[in-house]
Protein backbone atom coordinates (compact mmCIF):
# COMPACT_ATOMS: atom_id res chain seq x y z
CA UNK A 1 135.30 -18.62 -112.97
CA UNK A 2 138.28 -20.95 -112.99
CA UNK A 3 137.20 -24.50 -113.84
CA UNK A 4 138.91 -26.02 -110.78
CA UNK A 5 137.35 -23.58 -108.31
CA UNK A 6 133.99 -24.17 -109.91
CA UNK A 7 134.51 -27.92 -109.63
CA UNK A 8 135.27 -27.63 -105.91
CA UNK A 9 132.11 -25.53 -105.39
CA UNK A 10 130.11 -28.10 -107.32
CA UNK A 11 131.35 -30.79 -104.93
CA UNK A 12 130.23 -28.87 -101.83
CA UNK A 13 127.56 -31.47 -101.03
CA UNK A 14 130.32 -34.05 -100.46
CA UNK A 15 132.53 -31.68 -98.46
CA UNK A 16 132.50 -33.96 -95.43
CA UNK A 17 133.88 -36.92 -97.38
CA UNK A 18 136.43 -34.73 -99.16
CA UNK A 19 137.78 -33.23 -95.94
CA UNK A 20 137.80 -36.63 -94.22
CA UNK A 21 139.86 -38.12 -97.03
CA UNK A 22 142.27 -35.17 -96.87
CA UNK A 23 142.62 -35.46 -93.08
CA UNK A 24 143.39 -39.19 -93.23
CA UNK A 25 145.90 -38.57 -96.04
CA UNK A 26 147.68 -36.07 -93.78
CA UNK A 27 147.69 -38.58 -90.90
CA UNK A 28 149.17 -41.21 -93.25
CA UNK A 29 152.02 -38.95 -94.35
CA UNK A 30 152.80 -37.79 -90.81
CA UNK A 31 152.62 -41.34 -89.40
CA UNK A 32 155.23 -42.43 -91.94
CA UNK A 33 157.35 -39.36 -91.16
CA UNK A 34 157.20 -39.96 -87.39
CA UNK A 35 157.95 -43.65 -87.89
CA UNK A 36 161.04 -42.96 -89.96
CA UNK A 37 162.40 -40.17 -87.76
CA UNK A 38 161.82 -42.07 -84.53
CA UNK A 39 163.25 -45.29 -85.98
CA UNK A 40 166.37 -43.45 -87.12
CA UNK A 41 166.87 -41.84 -83.74
CA UNK A 42 166.10 -45.07 -81.85
CA UNK A 43 168.49 -47.21 -83.87
CA UNK A 44 171.27 -44.65 -83.68
CA UNK A 45 170.72 -44.09 -79.95
CA UNK A 46 170.71 -47.83 -79.31
CA UNK A 47 174.01 -48.23 -81.14
CA UNK A 48 175.59 -45.34 -79.25
CA UNK A 49 174.34 -46.68 -75.91
CA UNK A 50 175.66 -50.14 -76.82
CA UNK A 51 179.15 -48.68 -77.02
CA UNK A 52 178.75 -46.87 -73.69
CA UNK A 53 179.24 -48.02 -70.11
CA UNK A 54 176.98 -50.51 -68.37
CA UNK A 55 175.55 -47.75 -66.17
CA UNK A 56 174.56 -45.67 -69.19
CA UNK A 57 172.98 -48.75 -70.79
CA UNK A 58 170.83 -49.33 -67.70
CA UNK A 59 169.62 -45.72 -67.76
CA UNK A 60 168.47 -45.82 -71.41
CA UNK A 61 164.70 -46.36 -71.88
CA UNK A 62 164.30 -48.92 -74.64
CA UNK A 63 160.59 -49.57 -74.10
CA UNK A 64 158.95 -46.21 -74.79
CA UNK A 65 160.67 -45.64 -78.17
CA UNK A 66 160.07 -49.25 -79.20
CA UNK A 67 156.37 -48.98 -78.32
CA UNK A 68 156.16 -45.66 -80.19
CA UNK A 69 157.74 -47.20 -83.28
CA UNK A 70 155.13 -49.96 -83.22
CA UNK A 71 152.36 -47.40 -82.69
CA UNK A 72 153.37 -45.30 -85.69
CA UNK A 73 153.88 -48.41 -87.82
CA UNK A 74 150.38 -49.60 -86.97
CA UNK A 75 148.95 -46.10 -87.45
CA UNK A 76 150.58 -45.81 -90.86
CA UNK A 77 149.08 -49.10 -92.06
CA UNK A 78 145.63 -48.33 -90.67
CA UNK A 79 145.65 -44.75 -91.96
CA UNK A 80 146.77 -45.82 -95.42
CA UNK A 81 143.98 -48.39 -95.57
CA UNK A 82 141.47 -45.86 -94.25
CA UNK A 83 142.70 -43.27 -96.75
CA UNK A 84 142.06 -45.66 -99.66
CA UNK A 85 138.57 -46.42 -98.38
CA UNK A 86 137.53 -42.83 -97.68
CA UNK A 87 139.13 -41.14 -100.71
CA UNK A 88 137.71 -43.73 -103.10
CA UNK A 89 134.29 -43.50 -101.47
CA UNK A 90 134.52 -39.73 -101.84
CA UNK A 91 135.55 -40.12 -105.49
CA UNK A 92 132.62 -42.40 -106.30
CA UNK A 93 130.24 -40.00 -104.58
CA UNK A 94 131.71 -37.05 -106.46
CA UNK A 95 131.39 -38.89 -109.77
CA UNK A 96 127.77 -39.75 -109.03
CA UNK A 97 127.12 -36.15 -108.01
CA UNK A 98 128.78 -34.81 -111.15
CA UNK A 99 126.99 -37.20 -113.52
CA UNK A 100 123.61 -36.43 -111.94
CA UNK A 101 124.32 -32.69 -112.07
CA UNK A 102 125.44 -32.81 -115.70
CA UNK A 103 122.51 -34.94 -116.81
CA UNK A 104 120.22 -32.60 -114.89
CA UNK A 105 121.66 -29.70 -116.91
CA UNK A 106 121.10 -31.60 -120.17
CA UNK A 107 117.42 -32.28 -119.53
CA UNK A 108 116.14 -28.68 -119.79
CA UNK A 109 118.39 -28.14 -122.82
CA UNK A 110 116.78 -30.94 -124.83
CA UNK A 111 115.94 -30.88 -127.60
CA UNK A 112 116.35 -27.24 -128.69
CA UNK A 113 119.52 -26.45 -126.74
CA UNK A 114 121.27 -29.61 -127.93
CA UNK A 115 120.32 -29.45 -131.60
CA UNK A 116 123.89 -28.49 -132.59
CA UNK A 117 125.52 -31.17 -130.43
CA UNK A 118 126.61 -34.56 -131.73
CA UNK A 119 125.29 -37.58 -129.84
CA UNK A 120 128.70 -39.22 -129.68
CA UNK A 121 130.29 -36.04 -128.34
CA UNK A 122 127.61 -35.71 -125.65
CA UNK A 123 128.29 -39.31 -124.66
CA UNK A 124 132.02 -38.56 -124.53
CA UNK A 125 131.40 -35.61 -122.21
CA UNK A 126 128.95 -37.54 -120.02
CA UNK A 127 131.20 -40.57 -119.64
CA UNK A 128 134.80 -39.99 -120.71
CA UNK A 129 135.26 -36.39 -119.57
CA UNK A 130 133.53 -36.97 -116.25
CA UNK A 131 135.62 -40.11 -115.72
CA UNK A 132 138.71 -37.95 -116.30
CA UNK A 133 137.48 -35.57 -113.61
CA UNK A 134 137.66 -38.35 -111.04
CA UNK A 135 141.41 -37.73 -111.18
CA UNK A 136 140.85 -34.26 -109.76
CA UNK A 137 140.08 -35.29 -106.20
CA UNK A 138 142.39 -38.31 -105.97
CA UNK A 139 145.33 -36.98 -108.01
CA UNK A 140 145.21 -33.20 -107.50
CA UNK A 141 143.03 -32.02 -104.61
CA UNK A 142 144.14 -34.45 -101.89
CA UNK A 143 147.87 -34.63 -102.81
CA UNK A 144 148.24 -30.85 -103.18
CA UNK A 145 146.48 -29.87 -99.94
CA UNK A 146 147.99 -32.75 -97.96
CA UNK A 147 151.45 -31.72 -99.16
CA UNK A 148 150.89 -28.10 -98.15
CA UNK A 149 149.77 -29.07 -94.64
CA UNK A 150 152.35 -31.77 -93.89
CA UNK A 151 155.34 -29.96 -95.41
CA UNK A 152 154.73 -27.10 -92.98
CA UNK A 153 154.59 -29.48 -90.01
CA UNK A 154 157.69 -31.39 -91.03
CA UNK A 155 159.69 -28.22 -91.64
CA UNK A 156 158.79 -26.89 -88.19
CA UNK A 157 159.88 -30.21 -86.67
CA UNK A 158 163.26 -30.02 -88.41
CA UNK A 159 163.71 -26.41 -87.26
CA UNK A 160 163.61 -27.66 -83.66
CA UNK A 161 166.89 -29.49 -84.31
CA UNK A 162 168.57 -27.37 -86.99
CA UNK A 163 167.46 -24.23 -88.78
CA UNK A 164 169.71 -24.99 -91.78
CA UNK A 165 168.42 -28.56 -92.04
CA UNK A 166 164.84 -27.22 -92.00
CA UNK A 167 165.72 -24.67 -94.71
CA UNK A 168 167.29 -27.28 -96.98
CA UNK A 169 164.35 -29.60 -96.42
CA UNK A 170 161.96 -26.81 -97.40
CA UNK A 171 164.02 -26.01 -100.51
CA UNK A 172 164.13 -29.65 -101.57
CA UNK A 173 160.43 -30.19 -101.00
CA UNK A 174 159.72 -26.96 -102.85
CA UNK A 175 161.77 -28.12 -105.83
CA UNK A 176 160.04 -31.49 -105.86
CA UNK A 177 156.58 -30.26 -104.95
CA UNK A 178 156.39 -26.96 -106.83
CA UNK A 179 159.16 -26.36 -109.35
CA UNK A 180 159.19 -29.82 -110.94
CA UNK A 181 155.37 -30.10 -111.05
CA UNK A 182 155.05 -26.61 -112.57
CA UNK A 183 157.60 -27.50 -115.21
CA UNK A 184 155.81 -30.78 -115.88
CA UNK A 185 152.45 -29.00 -116.06
CA UNK A 186 153.80 -26.43 -118.52
CA UNK A 187 155.30 -29.15 -120.69
CA UNK A 188 152.30 -31.48 -120.43
CA UNK A 189 149.46 -28.93 -120.68
CA UNK A 190 149.12 -29.09 -124.44
CA UNK A 191 149.56 -32.87 -124.58
CA UNK A 192 147.03 -33.38 -121.77
CA UNK A 193 144.45 -31.22 -123.50
CA UNK A 194 145.09 -33.09 -126.74
CA UNK A 195 144.56 -36.44 -124.98
CA UNK A 196 141.16 -35.24 -123.75
CA UNK A 197 140.02 -33.78 -127.07
CA UNK A 198 141.30 -36.73 -129.13
CA UNK A 199 139.68 -39.30 -126.84
CA UNK A 200 136.40 -37.38 -127.15
CA UNK A 201 136.73 -37.31 -130.95
CA UNK A 202 137.52 -41.04 -131.00
CA UNK A 203 134.48 -41.90 -128.86
CA UNK A 204 132.29 -39.72 -131.05
CA UNK A 205 133.61 -41.38 -134.18
CA UNK A 206 133.04 -44.89 -132.83
CA UNK A 207 129.47 -44.09 -131.70
CA UNK A 208 128.53 -42.56 -135.05
CA UNK A 209 130.24 -45.37 -136.98
CA UNK A 210 128.31 -47.97 -134.98
CA UNK A 211 125.03 -46.13 -135.55
CA UNK A 212 125.63 -45.86 -139.31
CA UNK A 213 127.21 -49.28 -139.82
CA UNK A 214 124.60 -50.53 -142.34
CA UNK A 215 125.14 -47.45 -144.52
CA UNK A 216 128.92 -47.72 -144.24
CA UNK A 217 128.77 -51.33 -145.41
CA UNK A 218 126.21 -50.63 -148.13
CA UNK A 219 128.24 -47.83 -149.69
CA UNK A 220 131.65 -49.43 -149.10
CA UNK A 221 132.68 -46.62 -146.77
CA UNK A 222 133.79 -48.84 -143.86
CA UNK A 223 137.50 -48.73 -144.83
CA UNK A 224 137.40 -44.93 -144.73
CA UNK A 225 135.81 -44.99 -141.27
CA UNK A 226 138.49 -47.44 -140.10
CA UNK A 227 141.22 -45.23 -141.52
CA UNK A 228 139.82 -42.21 -139.67
CA UNK A 229 139.69 -44.20 -136.44
CA UNK A 230 143.29 -45.33 -136.97
CA UNK A 231 144.39 -41.72 -137.52
CA UNK A 232 142.68 -40.63 -134.30
CA UNK A 233 144.26 -43.55 -132.45
CA UNK A 234 147.66 -42.48 -133.77
CA UNK A 235 147.13 -38.93 -132.51
CA UNK A 236 146.01 -40.25 -129.13
CA UNK A 237 149.02 -42.55 -128.77
CA UNK A 238 151.40 -39.74 -129.73
CA UNK A 239 149.88 -37.40 -127.13
CA UNK A 240 149.92 -40.15 -124.49
CA UNK A 241 153.54 -40.88 -125.40
CA UNK A 242 154.48 -37.26 -124.80
CA UNK A 243 152.64 -37.36 -121.47
CA UNK A 244 154.58 -40.49 -120.48
CA UNK A 245 157.83 -38.79 -121.46
CA UNK A 246 157.09 -35.79 -119.27
CA UNK A 247 156.13 -38.12 -116.42
CA UNK A 248 159.49 -39.90 -116.76
CA UNK A 249 161.31 -36.56 -116.79
CA UNK A 250 159.51 -35.47 -113.62
CA UNK A 251 160.34 -38.77 -111.95
CA UNK A 252 164.03 -38.31 -112.70
CA UNK A 253 163.94 -34.71 -111.48
CA UNK A 254 162.18 -35.83 -108.29
CA UNK A 255 164.84 -38.42 -107.60
CA UNK A 256 167.56 -35.83 -108.12
CA UNK A 257 165.83 -33.38 -105.77
CA UNK A 258 165.46 -36.07 -103.11
CA UNK A 259 169.14 -37.01 -103.21
CA UNK A 260 170.20 -33.34 -103.21
CA UNK A 261 168.02 -32.64 -100.17
CA UNK A 262 169.33 -35.67 -98.27
CA UNK A 263 172.92 -34.58 -98.89
CA UNK A 264 172.22 -30.98 -97.85
CA UNK A 265 170.40 -32.06 -94.68
CA UNK A 266 173.26 -34.39 -93.76
CA UNK A 267 175.84 -31.61 -94.20
CA UNK A 268 173.72 -29.23 -92.08
CA UNK A 269 173.22 -31.95 -89.47
CA UNK A 270 176.95 -32.77 -89.27
CA UNK A 271 177.75 -29.09 -88.73
CA UNK A 272 175.12 -28.94 -85.99
CA UNK A 273 176.57 -32.04 -84.29
CA UNK A 274 180.12 -30.68 -84.34
CA UNK A 275 179.33 -27.05 -83.69
CA UNK A 276 175.97 -26.60 -81.99
CA UNK A 277 175.99 -29.61 -79.71
CA UNK A 278 173.34 -31.58 -81.56
CA UNK A 279 173.01 -35.17 -80.33
CA UNK A 280 174.74 -37.52 -82.84
CA UNK A 281 171.68 -39.78 -82.83
CA UNK A 282 169.64 -36.86 -84.13
CA UNK A 283 171.64 -36.94 -87.34
CA UNK A 284 169.99 -40.26 -88.26
CA UNK A 285 166.64 -38.74 -87.33
CA UNK A 286 167.20 -35.88 -89.77
CA UNK A 287 168.47 -38.14 -92.56
CA UNK A 288 165.62 -40.66 -92.46
CA UNK A 289 163.10 -37.86 -91.84
CA UNK A 290 164.27 -36.07 -94.99
CA UNK A 291 163.72 -39.21 -97.04
CA UNK A 292 160.29 -39.81 -95.48
CA UNK A 293 159.24 -36.18 -96.03
CA UNK A 294 159.28 -36.66 -99.80
CA UNK A 295 156.29 -38.97 -99.56
CA UNK A 296 154.21 -35.81 -99.10
CA UNK A 297 155.25 -34.30 -102.43
CA UNK A 298 155.87 -37.47 -104.46
CA UNK A 299 152.41 -37.45 -106.14
CA UNK A 300 152.58 -33.79 -107.15
CA UNK A 301 154.57 -34.08 -110.40
CA UNK A 302 152.08 -36.61 -111.75
CA UNK A 303 149.19 -34.47 -110.48
CA UNK A 304 150.46 -31.40 -112.30
CA UNK A 305 151.16 -33.47 -115.42
CA UNK A 306 147.50 -34.54 -115.49
CA UNK A 307 146.25 -31.07 -114.64
CA UNK A 308 145.96 -30.01 -118.28
CA UNK A 309 143.94 -33.11 -119.14
CA UNK A 310 141.65 -32.58 -116.14
CA UNK A 311 141.17 -28.89 -116.90
CA UNK A 312 140.33 -29.62 -120.54
CA UNK A 313 137.76 -32.22 -119.45
CA UNK A 314 136.20 -29.75 -116.99
CA UNK A 315 136.04 -27.09 -119.69
CA UNK A 316 134.26 -29.48 -122.07
CA UNK A 317 131.71 -30.43 -119.41
CA UNK A 318 131.00 -26.82 -118.45
CA UNK A 319 130.75 -25.75 -122.10
CA UNK A 320 127.62 -27.85 -122.54
CA UNK A 321 126.29 -27.29 -119.02
CA UNK A 322 126.43 -23.52 -119.56
CA UNK A 323 124.44 -23.52 -122.79
CA UNK A 324 121.43 -21.20 -122.45
CA UNK A 325 118.16 -22.92 -121.65
CA UNK A 326 115.95 -22.48 -124.73
CA UNK A 327 112.67 -22.30 -122.79
CA UNK A 328 112.82 -20.02 -119.77
CA UNK A 329 111.15 -20.98 -116.52
CA UNK A 330 107.88 -19.02 -116.18
CA UNK A 331 107.81 -16.24 -113.62
CA UNK A 332 104.42 -17.54 -112.47
CA UNK A 333 103.73 -21.21 -113.12
CA UNK A 334 100.29 -21.98 -114.50
CA UNK A 335 97.91 -24.17 -112.55
CA UNK A 336 96.53 -27.31 -114.15
CA UNK A 337 93.82 -25.99 -116.48
CA UNK A 338 90.17 -26.82 -115.87
CA UNK A 339 89.59 -27.20 -119.62
CA UNK A 340 91.91 -28.15 -122.47
CA UNK A 341 90.98 -26.04 -125.47
CA UNK A 342 93.83 -24.44 -127.44
CA UNK A 343 93.86 -20.95 -128.97
CA UNK A 344 96.75 -19.75 -131.14
CA UNK A 345 96.58 -16.10 -132.17
CA UNK A 346 99.22 -14.81 -134.62
CA UNK A 347 101.89 -17.18 -133.27
CA UNK A 348 105.32 -17.00 -134.90
CA UNK A 349 108.32 -19.20 -134.05
CA UNK A 350 111.79 -19.58 -135.49
CA UNK A 351 114.85 -21.51 -134.38
CA UNK A 352 117.27 -18.60 -134.40
CA UNK A 353 117.43 -14.85 -134.97
CA UNK A 354 119.00 -15.40 -138.40
CA UNK A 355 116.69 -18.27 -139.37
CA UNK A 356 113.44 -18.04 -141.37
CA UNK A 357 110.10 -18.37 -139.56
CA UNK A 358 109.18 -22.02 -139.01
CA UNK A 359 105.68 -20.87 -137.99
CA UNK A 360 104.45 -17.44 -139.08
CA UNK A 361 101.30 -15.67 -137.90
CA UNK A 362 99.54 -18.95 -137.12
CA UNK A 363 95.98 -18.70 -135.83
CA UNK A 364 94.19 -21.88 -134.79
CA UNK A 365 91.42 -22.77 -132.35
CA UNK A 366 90.93 -26.32 -131.10
CA UNK A 367 87.99 -27.00 -128.82
CA UNK A 368 88.33 -29.53 -126.01
CA UNK A 369 87.57 -33.00 -127.39
CA UNK A 370 87.98 -31.89 -131.02
CA UNK A 371 90.11 -33.83 -133.50
CA UNK A 372 92.20 -31.70 -135.85
CA UNK A 373 94.35 -32.85 -138.76
CA UNK A 374 97.34 -30.85 -140.04
CA UNK A 375 98.88 -31.71 -143.40
CA UNK A 376 101.67 -30.20 -145.44
CA UNK A 377 104.94 -30.98 -147.22
CA UNK A 378 108.20 -31.72 -145.46
CA UNK A 379 109.61 -28.58 -143.89
CA UNK A 380 106.24 -26.83 -143.74
CA UNK A 381 106.35 -26.56 -139.91
CA UNK A 382 104.33 -29.58 -138.78
CA UNK A 383 106.98 -30.80 -136.32
CA UNK A 384 107.47 -27.22 -135.14
CA UNK A 385 103.81 -27.11 -134.13
CA UNK A 386 104.41 -30.15 -131.90
CA UNK A 387 107.54 -28.55 -130.46
CA UNK A 388 105.48 -25.47 -129.65
CA UNK A 389 102.80 -27.44 -127.81
CA UNK A 390 105.31 -29.49 -125.85
CA UNK A 391 107.22 -26.32 -124.89
CA UNK A 392 110.42 -27.59 -126.47
CA UNK A 393 110.90 -24.24 -128.22
CA UNK A 394 109.86 -20.71 -127.33
CA UNK A 395 107.57 -18.76 -129.64
CA UNK A 396 108.67 -15.20 -130.32
CA UNK A 397 105.37 -13.52 -131.24
CA UNK A 398 101.65 -13.92 -130.75
CA UNK A 399 99.64 -15.61 -128.07
CA UNK A 400 99.16 -19.33 -127.39
CA UNK A 401 96.65 -20.24 -124.69
CA UNK A 402 95.76 -23.64 -123.26
CA UNK A 403 92.60 -23.69 -121.18
CA UNK A 404 92.70 -19.89 -121.16
CA UNK A 405 96.26 -19.71 -119.76
CA UNK A 406 99.27 -18.49 -121.70
CA UNK A 407 101.42 -21.38 -122.87
CA UNK A 408 104.55 -19.56 -121.70
CA UNK A 409 103.35 -20.06 -118.13
CA UNK A 410 103.52 -23.85 -118.48
CA UNK A 411 106.79 -25.69 -117.93
CA UNK A 412 107.82 -28.52 -120.27
CA UNK A 413 107.26 -30.92 -117.35
CA UNK A 414 103.65 -29.71 -117.00
CA UNK A 415 103.01 -30.10 -120.72
CA UNK A 416 104.43 -33.63 -120.59
CA UNK A 417 101.68 -34.47 -118.09
CA UNK A 418 99.03 -33.04 -120.40
CA UNK A 419 100.17 -34.27 -123.81
CA UNK A 420 101.06 -37.72 -125.14
CA UNK A 421 102.76 -38.15 -128.52
CA UNK A 422 102.57 -41.26 -130.69
CA UNK A 423 104.87 -40.99 -133.67
CA UNK A 424 106.87 -42.97 -136.17
CA UNK A 425 109.92 -42.08 -134.09
CA UNK A 426 108.61 -43.25 -130.70
CA UNK A 427 111.76 -44.64 -129.17
CA UNK A 428 111.95 -48.19 -127.86
CA UNK A 429 114.74 -48.86 -125.41
CA UNK A 430 117.00 -51.90 -125.52
CA UNK A 431 115.15 -53.58 -122.70
CA UNK A 432 111.99 -55.62 -122.16
CA UNK A 433 108.48 -54.90 -123.43
CA UNK A 434 107.47 -54.47 -119.79
CA UNK A 435 110.09 -51.78 -119.12
CA UNK A 436 109.23 -49.97 -122.34
CA UNK A 437 105.60 -49.81 -121.24
CA UNK A 438 106.41 -48.80 -117.67
CA UNK A 439 108.04 -45.69 -119.11
CA UNK A 440 104.49 -44.34 -119.55
CA UNK A 441 103.31 -45.28 -116.05
CA UNK A 442 105.86 -46.63 -113.63
CA UNK A 443 103.36 -48.02 -111.11
CA UNK A 444 101.32 -50.05 -113.63
CA UNK A 445 100.81 -53.71 -112.67
CA UNK A 446 100.81 -56.60 -115.12
CA UNK A 447 97.02 -56.48 -115.56
CA UNK A 448 97.22 -52.81 -116.59
CA UNK A 449 100.05 -53.56 -119.01
CA UNK A 450 98.16 -56.41 -120.65
CA UNK A 451 95.01 -54.28 -120.87
CA UNK A 452 96.99 -51.58 -122.70
CA UNK A 453 98.35 -54.21 -125.07
CA UNK A 454 94.80 -55.52 -125.63
CA UNK A 455 93.67 -52.06 -126.69
CA UNK A 456 96.71 -51.77 -128.96
CA UNK A 457 95.91 -55.23 -130.43
CA UNK A 458 99.30 -56.63 -129.39
CA UNK A 459 98.35 -58.76 -126.38
CA UNK A 460 98.08 -62.06 -128.30
CA UNK A 461 101.47 -61.50 -129.87
CA UNK A 462 103.09 -60.82 -126.47
CA UNK A 463 101.40 -63.85 -124.88
CA UNK A 464 102.80 -66.01 -127.66
CA UNK A 465 106.38 -64.99 -126.92
CA UNK A 466 108.38 -67.44 -124.75
CA UNK A 467 109.26 -64.68 -122.28
CA UNK A 468 106.08 -62.62 -122.69
CA UNK A 469 106.38 -59.14 -121.27
CA UNK A 470 110.01 -59.84 -120.36
CA UNK A 471 111.04 -60.19 -124.01
CA UNK A 472 113.90 -57.85 -124.91
CA UNK A 473 112.99 -55.76 -127.97
CA UNK A 474 116.57 -54.83 -128.94
CA UNK A 475 117.99 -51.40 -129.60
CA UNK A 476 115.31 -49.08 -131.07
CA UNK A 477 112.95 -52.11 -131.12
CA UNK A 478 114.90 -53.94 -133.82
CA UNK A 479 113.40 -57.30 -132.75
CA UNK A 480 109.89 -56.00 -133.60
CA UNK A 481 108.28 -55.08 -136.90
CA UNK A 482 107.40 -51.47 -137.64
CA UNK A 483 103.75 -52.06 -136.89
CA UNK A 484 104.51 -53.87 -133.62
CA UNK A 485 106.80 -51.06 -132.49
CA UNK A 486 104.07 -48.55 -133.30
CA UNK A 487 101.62 -50.56 -131.20
CA UNK A 488 103.98 -50.48 -128.22
CA UNK A 489 103.86 -46.70 -128.51
CA UNK A 490 100.07 -46.91 -128.74
CA UNK A 491 99.95 -49.04 -125.58
CA UNK A 492 101.98 -46.36 -123.82
CA UNK A 493 99.31 -43.83 -124.81
CA UNK A 494 96.66 -46.12 -123.29
CA UNK A 495 98.62 -46.30 -120.02
CA UNK A 496 98.96 -42.53 -119.97
CA UNK A 497 95.49 -41.06 -120.57
CA UNK A 498 96.50 -37.41 -120.95
CA UNK A 499 93.89 -34.85 -122.10
CA UNK A 500 95.76 -34.22 -125.36
CA UNK A 501 97.01 -36.84 -127.83
CA UNK A 502 99.27 -35.95 -130.74
CA UNK A 503 99.67 -38.45 -133.56
CA UNK A 504 102.81 -37.47 -135.48
CA UNK A 505 102.94 -39.35 -138.80
CA UNK A 506 101.54 -42.39 -136.95
CA UNK A 507 101.37 -44.65 -140.02
CA UNK A 508 104.55 -43.57 -141.82
CA UNK A 509 106.41 -46.58 -143.18
CA UNK A 510 103.50 -49.00 -142.71
CA UNK A 511 101.94 -50.92 -145.62
CA UNK A 512 98.30 -50.28 -146.47
CA UNK A 513 96.94 -53.32 -144.59
CA UNK A 514 98.96 -52.63 -141.42
CA UNK A 515 98.05 -48.94 -141.64
CA UNK A 516 94.30 -49.73 -141.84
CA UNK A 517 94.50 -52.11 -138.88
CA UNK A 518 96.51 -49.64 -136.84
CA UNK A 519 94.07 -46.78 -137.50
CA UNK A 520 91.14 -49.03 -136.63
CA UNK A 521 92.74 -49.88 -133.29
CA UNK A 522 93.31 -46.21 -132.50
CA UNK A 523 89.58 -45.59 -131.96
CA UNK A 524 89.41 -46.54 -128.25
CA UNK A 525 92.59 -44.57 -127.53
CA UNK A 526 91.11 -41.36 -128.97
CA UNK A 527 87.95 -41.45 -126.88
CA UNK A 528 87.54 -38.41 -124.64
CA UNK A 529 90.75 -36.75 -125.78
CA UNK A 530 91.62 -33.68 -127.78
CA UNK A 531 93.54 -35.02 -130.76
CA UNK A 532 96.00 -33.45 -133.19
CA UNK A 533 96.98 -35.60 -136.18
CA UNK A 534 100.10 -34.53 -138.09
CA UNK A 535 100.41 -36.39 -141.38
CA UNK A 536 100.99 -36.16 -145.10
CA UNK A 537 99.05 -39.37 -145.80
CA UNK A 538 95.29 -39.26 -146.42
CA UNK A 539 94.28 -42.36 -144.43
CA UNK A 540 94.80 -40.93 -140.88
CA UNK A 541 92.60 -37.94 -141.79
CA UNK A 542 89.56 -40.20 -141.50
CA UNK A 543 90.04 -39.89 -137.73
CA UNK A 544 89.65 -36.08 -137.59
CA UNK A 545 86.82 -33.53 -137.68
CA UNK A 546 88.71 -30.75 -139.41
CA UNK A 547 91.82 -30.47 -141.59
CA UNK A 548 94.27 -27.59 -141.88
CA UNK A 549 97.26 -27.23 -144.17
CA UNK A 550 100.68 -25.83 -143.34
CA UNK A 551 102.64 -24.17 -146.16
CA UNK A 552 106.00 -22.53 -145.40
CA UNK A 553 104.99 -22.02 -141.77
CA UNK A 554 101.56 -20.56 -142.54
CA UNK A 555 98.34 -22.33 -141.61
CA UNK A 556 95.42 -22.30 -144.02
CA UNK A 557 92.18 -24.06 -144.78
CA UNK A 558 90.31 -24.23 -148.07
CA UNK A 559 88.46 -26.33 -150.64
CA UNK A 560 91.54 -28.34 -151.54
CA UNK A 561 92.02 -29.30 -147.92
CA UNK A 562 88.35 -30.17 -147.51
CA UNK A 563 88.46 -32.32 -150.65
CA UNK A 564 91.53 -34.15 -149.37
CA UNK A 565 89.77 -34.74 -146.06
CA UNK A 566 86.73 -36.26 -147.79
CA UNK A 567 88.97 -38.43 -149.96
């Protein structure tokens, strides 16, 4: 489907605002047209009457035309103001609708469907490309439809006075509203698309450079990153320069078309006055009306010039939105299980048809309340096991049952309510400790938050901070130590007492003393839960009842594993 038609269908929820903005835009154009035509006729008629006899002067009605001129002048001002209010309100609503829709499409794609996407590029699509699409309604939709409606009305009005004047007006408006914009669009299509793609590349580069700044400085690679940014800036400026050149060309062509139309209408009007008995005052009406009519098509060259940029932005947004959802919605959604045992029978999972098996023929039974440890080298499939349980990825073979129900019948949202993960990568947002905890349970009061911190052995530290729970932790928790950040994640697990708890490398990066204290404080969090500990360090295995080993996607148990567990 064409991107623009799809965009209009996507905006159907705001149809009322869109049509209202279009209607007021039409009223604005027509109010200006009626003001100019009536003013021209009134001034010319007044001058002609002024040269006539006293009797003719007394018969001329000055008041009705004067009042009408004031009415259309007031209407034009009010309609123009109303147009700005309504069209901008519609634009903001459309942007909000589009951002919410796009983010809503990203959620079911994460993480499997977005594994090949760059974070900076996703940000560019979510912000820059969608910002570009705000031009669609204001710069393309409203001007194009308003022009089509009002040009027809103005041409019919001219035809009442002179068929030739109406024809020349239609030709001039067609040149300015169709021919020049189409030429501009053809010339500017490539440059507009390049502006969109280069701006996206520049945003992506800046995001990734900011994220990797310590490494760039450490390895002396910052000058190279700056040089790449400068090259992208140069490409962007060149494309924007070409766009500006095409805009200037269209402006000159529009001015030429306007002057040509005015001349042609005047010639047709003079012939009508001398040959067809047209009132001389109507000649001024036609002349000023021709000039006013071009307000309807004046925005179109710029709209068509930006069309390529808008279309490229829409294509980039829909490219990601149309990615296949990696985990299909179940035909029949499972009910919340009455028990929480897990049974894997010959489960195999891989991340692509041409990729090796990340899990192969895995069989594992975990009773409700049992604590299982899984060890293995990097790349053995430990993280894949977590992805399987959270329904982030689909398994291709075997059976996985939770509480007796097939795992495929659970949605990722359901699994999120049953499973809590504490890992070395638990993300802390650049906000307060309070907000980072409320992520686990949004309705928790301060007493509940402090209780969770008590269990995580972080309450005294938070009380000692000048701002307490309202202390900002910085991006990714940079203001906290590794152990403190891990305890925030632990406090989240306390606030969210799900039946299952997964500890994914919970002590990675911690020194021996901090690790021992952290594991000791885990005890009250584990109570009453089914626990899966993923680790390659021996210390966390003291928490579990049974240890399994993953090797190249295969799960096994044996004397070596048992010995490691006892150690």
